[in-house]
C-alpha atoms as a PDB file:
ATOM      1  CA  MET A   1    -114.766  31.547  54.863  1.00  0.00           C
ATOM      2  CA  THR A   2    -117.297  34.028  53.933  1.00  0.00           C
ATOM      3  CA  GLU A   3    -116.431  36.124  50.213  1.00  0.00           C
ATOM      4  CA  VAL A   4    -117.572  39.491  49.830  1.00  0.00           C
ATOM      5  CA  THR A   5    -117.245  40.802  46.241  1.00  0.00           C
ATOM      6  CA  TYR A   6    -117.752  45.032  44.946  1.00  0.00           C
ATOM      7  CA  VAL A   7    -118.522  44.998  41.154  1.00  0.00           C
ATOM      8  CA  ILE A   8    -118.150  48.555  39.710  1.00  0.00           C
ATOM      9  CA  VAL A   9    -120.979  49.417  37.637  1.00  0.00           C
ATOM     10  CA  GLU A  10    -122.598  52.460  35.580  1.00  0.00           C
ATOM     11  CA  HIS A  11    -125.486  52.983  37.496  1.00  0.00           C
ATOM     12  CA  ASP A  12    -127.973  55.939  38.109  1.00  0.00           C
ATOM     13  CA  GLY A  13    -126.208  58.576  35.268  1.00  0.00           C
ATOM     14  CA  GLY A  14    -122.552  57.826  37.098  1.00  0.00           C
ATOM     15  CA  TRP A  15    -121.016  54.860  38.935  1.00  0.00           C
ATOM     16  CA  ALA A  16    -121.899  52.543  41.775  1.00  0.00           C
ATOM     17  CA  TYR A  17    -120.444  49.263  43.295  1.00  0.00           C
ATOM     18  CA  LYS A  18    -122.569  46.741  44.417  1.00  0.00           C
ATOM     19  CA  VAL A  19    -122.405  44.210  46.758  1.00  0.00           C
ATOM     20  CA  GLY A  20    -125.234  40.901  45.899  1.00  0.00           C
ATOM     21  CA  ALA A  21    -128.465  43.123  44.443  1.00  0.00           C
ATOM     22  CA  VAL A  22    -127.545  46.344  46.974  1.00  0.00           C
ATOM     23  CA  PHE A  23    -125.997  49.433  44.679  1.00  0.00           C
ATOM     24  CA  SER A  24    -123.730  51.914  46.817  1.00  0.00           C
ATOM     25  CA  GLU A  25    -124.745  55.942  45.966  1.00  0.00           C
ATOM     26  CA  PRO A  26    -124.121  56.863  43.141  1.00  0.00           C
ATOM     27  CA  PHE A  27    -120.807  59.028  42.237  1.00  0.00           C
ATOM     28  CA  ALA A  28    -119.739  60.858  39.385  1.00  0.00           C
ATOM     29  CA  SER A  29    -117.317  59.433  37.571  1.00  0.00           C
ATOM     30  CA  HIS A  30    -115.080  55.584  37.837  1.00  0.00           C
ATOM     31  CA  ALA A  31    -112.158  56.687  40.128  1.00  0.00           C
ATOM     32  CA  LEU A  32    -114.049  57.495  42.647  1.00  0.00           C
ATOM     33  CA  ALA A  33    -116.663  54.362  42.199  1.00  0.00           C
ATOM     34  CA  ALA A  34    -113.121  52.368  42.351  1.00  0.00           C
ATOM     35  CA  ALA A  35    -111.976  54.357  45.253  1.00  0.00           C
ATOM     36  CA  ALA A  36    -114.935  53.858  47.613  1.00  0.00           C
ATOM     37  CA  ALA A  37    -114.997  49.872  46.584  1.00  0.00           C
ATOM     38  CA  LYS A  38    -111.974  49.798  47.781  1.00  0.00           C
ATOM     39  CA  ARG A  39    -112.459  51.513  51.201  1.00  0.00           C
ATOM     40  CA  ALA A  40    -115.816  49.439  52.078  1.00  0.00           C
ATOM     41  CA  ALA A  41    -113.581  45.808  51.180  1.00  0.00           C
ATOM     42  CA  THR A  42    -110.705  47.370  53.461  1.00  0.00           C
ATOM     43  CA  GLU A  43    -112.997  47.846  55.866  1.00  0.00           C
ATOM     44  CA  GLN A  44    -114.825  44.906  55.682  1.00  0.00           C
ATOM     45  CA  THR A  45    -111.607  42.999  56.853  1.00  0.00           C
ATOM     46  CA  VAL A  46    -110.619  44.582  59.703  1.00  0.00           C
ATOM     47  CA  PRO A  47    -111.445  42.517  63.227  1.00  0.00           C
ATOM     48  CA  GLY A  48    -113.637  43.698  65.659  1.00  0.00           C
ATOM     49  CA  ARG A  49    -115.087  42.733  69.389  1.00  0.00           C
ATOM     50  CA  THR A  50    -117.020  40.073  70.124  1.00  0.00           C
ATOM     51  CA  GLU A  51    -120.028  40.742  70.542  1.00  0.00           C
ATOM     52  CA  VAL A  52    -123.373  39.249  71.120  1.00  0.00           C
ATOM     53  CA  ILE A  53    -125.635  39.777  68.227  1.00  0.00           C
ATOM     54  CA  GLN A  54    -129.331  39.903  67.808  1.00  0.00           C
ATOM     55  CA  PHE A  55    -131.364  39.198  63.970  1.00  0.00           C
ATOM     56  CA  GLU A  56    -134.776  38.351  62.859  1.00  0.00           C
ATOM     57  CA  ASP A  57    -134.527  35.841  60.080  1.00  0.00           C
ATOM     58  CA  GLU A  58    -136.930  36.123  56.785  1.00  0.00           C
ATOM     59  CA  LYS A  59    -139.091  34.273  58.952  1.00  0.00           C
ATOM     60  CA  GLY A  60    -140.082  36.820  61.075  1.00  0.00           C
ATOM     61  CA  LYS A  61    -138.243  34.914  64.164  1.00  0.00           C
ATOM     62  CA  TRP A  62    -135.514  36.269  66.229  1.00  0.00           C
ATOM     63  CA  HIS A  63    -131.866  34.714  66.741  1.00  0.00           C
ATOM     64  CA  GLU A  64    -128.915  35.114  69.226  1.00  0.00           C
ATOM     65  CA  GLU A  65    -125.658  34.234  68.725  1.00  0.00           C
ATOM     66  CA  THR A  66    -121.808  35.713  69.345  1.00  0.00           C
ATOM     67  CA  ALA A  67    -120.553  37.275  66.571  1.00  0.00           C
ATOM     68  CA  ALA A  68    -116.436  36.873  66.426  1.00  0.00           C
ATOM     69  CA  GLY A  69    -114.807  39.612  65.934  1.00  0.00           C
ATOM     70  CA  ASN A  70    -111.710  38.164  63.998  1.00  0.00           C
ATOM     71  CA  ASP A  71    -114.118  36.173  61.739  1.00  0.00           C
ATOM     72  CA  ARG A  72    -113.983  38.344  58.790  1.00  0.00           C
ATOM     73  CA  PRO A  73    -115.087  37.515  55.175  1.00  0.00           C
ATOM     74  CA  THR A  74    -112.569  37.949  52.112  1.00  0.00           C
ATOM     75  CA  THR A  75    -113.346  40.324  49.646  1.00  0.00           C
ATOM     76  CA  GLN A  76    -112.361  41.216  45.708  1.00  0.00           C
ATOM     77  CA  ILE A  77    -113.594  43.592  43.611  1.00  0.00           C
ATOM     78  CA  VAL A  78    -114.531  43.023  40.088  1.00  0.00           C
ATOM     79  CA  ASP A  79    -114.268  46.094  37.605  1.00  0.00           C
ATOM     80  CA  LYS A  80    -117.208  45.683  34.652  1.00  0.00           C
ATOM     81  CA  ALA A  81    -115.783  48.826  32.738  1.00  0.00           C
END
C-alpha cells in the first residue's frame, strides 16, 4: 500500500505542509498549517468510486487503467517545527 507523508515546514514567510517536493499554500501560523495538513491527510484516505482514468507518463505516452475507489493510501504527518 502507498503511504503519503505530509511534512509541516516553515515556508514563504509563514508555514506550509509539503508532500514530496510540492508545497501547499502558505499559512500565517503553524497551527493553521498543521490543521490543513490533517484535513488533507484525512481526505486522502476516504474511499471513492472505482473509475477508468487516463494519464500521461513522463515520456508523453498516454495510459488508461481502472483505479479502484477503495485503494487508498495510508497517511502520516511529520512536524518539523
